[in-house]
């Protein structure tokens, strides 16, 4: 199964089921982050640097989770958290869409 999404440049993109599921997982993480109580967040808008520091902290947790647990489940839980933090940053500070020039056959021009 695949899904179609439209970018800001008016180009439709086919999204695989795996990517769609990844986006859903990130969305559930963002929902969770938005529901955190005042004991976990003070409601202040964070800087890009603040988000970068949080992602770096959780990158260390990601390595620990992957190293110290059998399988990938624990690491993927932390990966979802990092992706949610990145999305939160872009929600607060804007997102820059990558323009991908493609030819008439759908191949990348000058990769």
N, C-alpha and C. Protein backbone atom coordinates (compact mmCIF):
# COMPACT_ATOMS: atom_id res chain seq x y z
N UNK A 1 0.85 -1.17 0.00
CA UNK A 1 0.00 0.00 0.00
C UNK A 1 0.90 1.24 0.00
N UNK A 2 0.44 2.28 -0.65
CA UNK A 2 1.19 3.53 -0.64
C UNK A 2 0.21 4.69 -0.49
N UNK A 3 0.74 5.82 -0.11
CA UNK A 3 -0.06 7.01 0.12
C UNK A 3 0.55 8.14 -0.69
N UNK A 4 -0.25 9.16 -0.99
CA UNK A 4 0.24 10.29 -1.74
C UNK A 4 0.18 11.53 -0.86
N UNK A 5 1.24 12.31 -0.90
CA UNK A 5 1.29 13.57 -0.16
C UNK A 5 1.73 14.66 -1.12
N UNK A 6 1.24 15.85 -0.90
CA UNK A 6 1.63 16.98 -1.74
C UNK A 6 2.59 17.87 -0.97
N UNK A 7 3.71 18.19 -1.61
CA UNK A 7 4.66 19.13 -1.04
C UNK A 7 4.23 20.55 -1.34
N UNK A 8 4.90 21.50 -0.75
CA UNK A 8 4.57 22.91 -0.99
C UNK A 8 4.85 23.34 -2.42
N UNK A 9 5.70 22.59 -3.10
CA UNK A 9 6.06 22.95 -4.48
C UNK A 9 5.04 22.40 -5.47
N UNK A 10 3.93 21.85 -4.98
CA UNK A 10 2.89 21.36 -5.85
C UNK A 10 3.17 20.01 -6.47
N UNK A 11 4.17 19.32 -6.00
CA UNK A 11 4.54 18.02 -6.55
C UNK A 11 3.99 16.93 -5.64
N UNK A 12 3.25 15.99 -6.23
CA UNK A 12 2.75 14.86 -5.45
C UNK A 12 3.87 13.86 -5.24
N UNK A 13 3.93 13.29 -4.05
CA UNK A 13 4.95 12.31 -3.71
C UNK A 13 4.27 11.06 -3.19
N UNK A 14 4.70 9.91 -3.65
CA UNK A 14 4.17 8.65 -3.15
C UNK A 14 4.94 8.31 -1.88
N UNK A 15 4.21 7.96 -0.85
CA UNK A 15 4.80 7.63 0.45
C UNK A 15 4.50 6.16 0.73
N UNK A 16 5.53 5.41 1.05
CA UNK A 16 5.34 3.99 1.35
C UNK A 16 4.58 3.82 2.66
N UNK A 17 4.04 2.65 2.84
CA UNK A 17 3.32 2.35 4.08
C UNK A 17 4.26 2.46 5.29
N UNK A 18 5.52 2.04 5.10
CA UNK A 18 6.49 2.12 6.20
C UNK A 18 6.73 3.58 6.60
N UNK A 19 6.85 4.48 5.62
CA UNK A 19 7.05 5.90 5.95
C UNK A 19 5.81 6.48 6.60
N UNK A 20 4.65 6.12 6.07
CA UNK A 20 3.39 6.58 6.66
C UNK A 20 3.32 6.15 8.12
N UNK A 21 3.66 4.89 8.40
CA UNK A 21 3.63 4.39 9.77
C UNK A 21 4.64 5.12 10.66
N UNK A 22 5.81 5.45 10.10
CA UNK A 22 6.80 6.22 10.86
C UNK A 22 6.24 7.59 11.22
N UNK A 23 5.57 8.24 10.27
CA UNK A 23 4.99 9.56 10.54
C UNK A 23 3.89 9.47 11.60
N UNK A 24 3.11 8.40 11.57
CA UNK A 24 2.07 8.21 12.59
C UNK A 24 2.71 8.05 13.97
N UNK A 25 3.79 7.26 14.04
CA UNK A 25 4.49 7.07 15.32
C UNK A 25 5.02 8.41 15.84
N UNK A 26 5.60 9.21 14.96
CA UNK A 26 6.10 10.53 15.37
C UNK A 26 4.95 11.40 15.85
N UNK A 27 3.82 11.33 15.17
CA UNK A 27 2.66 12.13 15.58
C UNK A 27 2.16 11.71 16.96
N UNK A 28 2.18 10.40 17.26
CA UNK A 28 1.76 9.96 18.59
C UNK A 28 2.73 10.47 19.65
N UNK A 29 4.02 10.55 19.31
CA UNK A 29 5.01 11.10 20.24
C UNK A 29 4.77 12.58 20.48
N UNK A 30 4.47 13.33 19.42
CA UNK A 30 4.19 14.75 19.58
C UNK A 30 2.94 14.97 20.43
N UNK A 31 1.93 14.12 20.24
CA UNK A 31 0.71 14.21 21.05
C UNK A 31 1.08 14.02 22.52
N UNK A 32 1.88 13.00 22.79
CA UNK A 32 2.33 12.74 24.16
C UNK A 32 3.09 13.94 24.72
N UNK A 33 4.03 14.47 23.93
CA UNK A 33 4.83 15.61 24.39
C UNK A 33 3.94 16.81 24.71
N UNK A 34 2.93 17.04 23.88
CA UNK A 34 2.01 18.17 24.12
C UNK A 34 1.20 17.98 25.39
N UNK A 35 0.98 16.74 25.81
CA UNK A 35 0.16 16.45 26.99
C UNK A 35 0.97 16.41 28.29
N UNK A 36 2.30 16.55 28.21
CA UNK A 36 3.11 16.54 29.43
C UNK A 36 2.66 17.66 30.35
N UNK A 37 2.62 17.35 31.62
CA UNK A 37 2.17 18.33 32.60
C UNK A 37 3.23 19.39 32.89
N UNK A 38 2.84 20.37 33.67
CA UNK A 38 3.74 21.48 33.99
C UNK A 38 4.94 21.03 34.81
N UNK A 39 4.87 19.82 35.39
CA UNK A 39 6.03 19.30 36.12
C UNK A 39 7.16 18.90 35.17
N UNK A 40 6.86 18.73 33.88
CA UNK A 40 7.87 18.33 32.90
C UNK A 40 8.25 19.46 31.94
N UNK A 41 7.42 20.46 31.85
CA UNK A 41 7.67 21.57 30.94
C UNK A 41 7.11 22.85 31.53
N UNK A 42 7.78 23.93 31.29
CA UNK A 42 7.31 25.20 31.84
C UNK A 42 6.51 26.01 30.83
N UNK A 43 6.26 25.43 29.65
CA UNK A 43 5.45 26.10 28.64
C UNK A 43 6.19 27.18 27.86
N UNK A 44 7.48 27.33 28.12
CA UNK A 44 8.28 28.34 27.43
C UNK A 44 8.70 27.79 26.06
N UNK A 45 8.61 28.64 25.03
CA UNK A 45 9.08 28.24 23.71
C UNK A 45 10.59 28.10 23.74
N UNK A 46 11.08 26.95 23.33
CA UNK A 46 12.51 26.65 23.36
C UNK A 46 13.20 27.16 22.10
N UNK A 47 14.50 27.42 22.21
CA UNK A 47 15.29 27.85 21.07
C UNK A 47 15.70 26.62 20.25
N UNK A 48 16.18 26.87 19.04
CA UNK A 48 16.71 25.78 18.22
C UNK A 48 17.85 25.10 18.96
N UNK A 49 18.68 25.88 19.64
CA UNK A 49 19.78 25.33 20.42
C UNK A 49 19.29 24.44 21.56
N UNK A 50 18.18 24.84 22.21
CA UNK A 50 17.61 24.01 23.27
C UNK A 50 17.18 22.64 22.71
N UNK A 51 16.50 22.68 21.56
CA UNK A 51 16.07 21.42 20.96
C UNK A 51 17.26 20.58 20.53
N UNK A 52 18.31 21.23 20.03
CA UNK A 52 19.52 20.51 19.63
C UNK A 52 20.14 19.81 20.82
N UNK A 53 20.19 20.50 21.96
CA UNK A 53 20.74 19.92 23.18
C UNK A 53 19.90 18.73 23.65
N UNK A 54 18.57 18.87 23.59
CA UNK A 54 17.70 17.75 23.97
C UNK A 54 17.93 16.55 23.06
N UNK A 55 18.05 16.80 21.76
CA UNK A 55 18.27 15.70 20.82
C UNK A 55 19.61 15.04 21.08
N UNK A 56 20.62 15.82 21.41
CA UNK A 56 21.94 15.25 21.70
C UNK A 56 21.87 14.38 22.96
N UNK A 57 21.16 14.86 23.98
CA UNK A 57 20.97 14.08 25.21
C UNK A 57 20.32 12.73 24.89
N UNK A 58 19.24 12.78 24.11
CA UNK A 58 18.54 11.54 23.79
C UNK A 58 19.31 10.67 22.79
N UNK A 59 20.22 11.27 22.03
CA UNK A 59 21.10 10.46 21.17
C UNK A 59 21.96 9.54 22.04
N UNK A 60 22.44 10.06 23.15
CA UNK A 60 23.21 9.24 24.08
C UNK A 60 22.32 8.13 24.65
N UNK A 61 21.08 8.47 25.00
CA UNK A 61 20.14 7.47 25.50
C UNK A 61 19.84 6.41 24.43
N UNK A 62 19.81 6.84 23.17
CA UNK A 62 19.57 5.91 22.07
C UNK A 62 20.69 4.88 21.96
N UNK A 63 21.92 5.34 22.05
CA UNK A 63 23.07 4.43 21.99
C UNK A 63 23.02 3.46 23.17
N UNK A 64 22.70 3.96 24.36
CA UNK A 64 22.60 3.10 25.54
C UNK A 64 21.48 2.07 25.37
N UNK A 65 20.33 2.51 24.85
CA UNK A 65 19.20 1.60 24.68
C UNK A 65 19.54 0.49 23.69
N UNK A 66 20.21 0.84 22.60
CA UNK A 66 20.55 -0.15 21.60
C UNK A 66 21.63 -1.10 22.12
N UNK A 67 22.59 -0.56 22.87
CA UNK A 67 23.70 -1.36 23.37
C UNK A 67 23.28 -2.29 24.50
N UNK A 68 22.38 -1.84 25.36
CA UNK A 68 22.07 -2.57 26.58
C UNK A 68 20.82 -3.44 26.52
N UNK A 69 20.14 -3.48 25.39
CA UNK A 69 18.90 -4.25 25.29
C UNK A 69 18.93 -5.15 24.06
N UNK A 70 18.39 -6.35 24.19
CA UNK A 70 18.32 -7.22 23.01
C UNK A 70 17.29 -6.68 22.02
N UNK A 71 17.54 -6.83 20.75
CA UNK A 71 16.62 -6.34 19.74
C UNK A 71 16.67 -4.83 19.60
N UNK A 72 15.75 -4.30 18.83
CA UNK A 72 15.75 -2.87 18.53
C UNK A 72 14.63 -2.08 19.20
N UNK A 73 13.73 -2.73 19.89
CA UNK A 73 12.53 -2.07 20.40
C UNK A 73 12.85 -0.87 21.28
N UNK A 74 13.72 -1.05 22.25
CA UNK A 74 14.05 0.05 23.16
C UNK A 74 14.70 1.22 22.42
N UNK A 75 15.58 0.90 21.48
CA UNK A 75 16.23 1.95 20.70
C UNK A 75 15.21 2.70 19.83
N UNK A 76 14.28 1.97 19.23
CA UNK A 76 13.27 2.62 18.40
C UNK A 76 12.34 3.51 19.21
N UNK A 77 12.11 3.17 20.47
CA UNK A 77 11.32 4.05 21.35
C UNK A 77 12.03 5.39 21.53
N UNK A 78 13.33 5.36 21.74
CA UNK A 78 14.10 6.60 21.90
C UNK A 78 14.20 7.34 20.56
N UNK A 79 14.34 6.60 19.47
CA UNK A 79 14.39 7.22 18.14
C UNK A 79 13.12 8.01 17.87
N UNK A 80 11.96 7.45 18.26
CA UNK A 80 10.68 8.15 18.10
C UNK A 80 10.68 9.44 18.89
N UNK A 81 11.23 9.40 20.10
CA UNK A 81 11.30 10.59 20.94
C UNK A 81 12.15 11.67 20.27
N UNK A 82 13.31 11.28 19.73
CA UNK A 82 14.18 12.24 19.05
C UNK A 82 13.47 12.86 17.85
N UNK A 83 12.78 12.02 17.07
CA UNK A 83 12.03 12.53 15.91
C UNK A 83 10.95 13.51 16.36
N UNK A 84 10.29 13.21 17.46
CA UNK A 84 9.27 14.12 18.00
C UNK A 84 9.86 15.45 18.42
N UNK A 85 11.02 15.42 19.03
CA UNK A 85 11.70 16.66 19.43
C UNK A 85 12.05 17.48 18.20
N UNK A 86 12.55 16.82 17.15
CA UNK A 86 12.89 17.52 15.91
C UNK A 86 11.64 18.16 15.29
N UNK A 87 10.54 17.44 15.27
CA UNK A 87 9.29 17.98 14.72
C UNK A 87 8.82 19.16 15.56
N UNK A 88 8.90 19.03 16.88
CA UNK A 88 8.49 20.13 17.76
C UNK A 88 9.31 21.39 17.46
N UNK A 89 10.60 21.22 17.25
CA UNK A 89 11.46 22.35 16.91
C UNK A 89 10.99 23.02 15.62
N UNK A 90 10.69 22.21 14.61
CA UNK A 90 10.24 22.77 13.33
C UNK A 90 8.86 23.40 13.46
N UNK A 91 8.01 22.87 14.33
CA UNK A 91 6.71 23.51 14.58
C UNK A 91 6.92 24.90 15.18
N UNK A 92 7.85 25.00 16.10
CA UNK A 92 8.10 26.27 16.79
C UNK A 92 8.87 27.28 15.94
N UNK A 93 9.76 26.81 15.09
CA UNK A 93 10.68 27.72 14.39
C UNK A 93 10.59 27.67 12.87
N UNK A 94 9.68 26.88 12.34
CA UNK A 94 9.51 26.78 10.90
C UNK A 94 10.25 25.57 10.35
N UNK A 95 9.78 25.13 9.21
CA UNK A 95 10.42 23.99 8.55
C UNK A 95 10.79 24.40 7.14
N UNK A 96 11.90 23.90 6.70
CA UNK A 96 12.39 24.21 5.36
C UNK A 96 12.28 22.94 4.54
N UNK A 97 11.41 22.98 3.56
CA UNK A 97 11.20 21.82 2.71
C UNK A 97 12.35 21.69 1.73
N UNK A 98 12.81 20.48 1.54
CA UNK A 98 13.87 20.24 0.56
C UNK A 98 13.25 20.23 -0.83
N UNK A 99 13.80 21.06 -1.69
CA UNK A 99 13.38 21.05 -3.09
C UNK A 99 14.20 19.98 -3.80
N UNK A 100 13.52 19.08 -4.47
CA UNK A 100 14.18 17.98 -5.15
C UNK A 100 13.92 18.09 -6.64
N UNK A 101 14.90 18.57 -7.41
CA UNK A 101 14.70 18.68 -8.85
C UNK A 101 14.72 17.31 -9.51
N UNK A 102 13.66 17.00 -10.24
CA UNK A 102 13.59 15.71 -10.93
C UNK A 102 13.28 15.94 -12.40
N UNK A 103 13.70 14.99 -13.23
CA UNK A 103 13.43 15.10 -14.66
C UNK A 103 12.06 14.49 -14.97
N UNK A 104 11.72 14.46 -16.25
CA UNK A 104 10.40 13.96 -16.66
C UNK A 104 10.19 12.48 -16.35
N UNK A 105 11.28 11.76 -16.12
CA UNK A 105 11.19 10.34 -15.78
C UNK A 105 11.19 10.11 -14.28
N UNK A 106 11.21 11.19 -13.50
CA UNK A 106 11.19 11.08 -12.05
C UNK A 106 12.54 10.82 -11.42
N UNK A 107 13.62 11.03 -12.20
CA UNK A 107 14.97 10.81 -11.68
C UNK A 107 15.55 12.13 -11.17
N UNK A 108 16.34 12.02 -10.13
CA UNK A 108 16.97 13.18 -9.52
C UNK A 108 17.94 13.83 -10.48
N UNK A 109 17.85 15.15 -10.61
CA UNK A 109 18.76 15.91 -11.46
C UNK A 109 19.93 16.39 -10.61
N UNK A 110 21.14 16.13 -11.08
CA UNK A 110 22.37 16.57 -10.38
C UNK A 110 22.38 16.17 -8.91
N UNK A 111 22.36 14.87 -8.62
CA UNK A 111 22.35 14.43 -7.21
C UNK A 111 23.61 14.82 -6.47
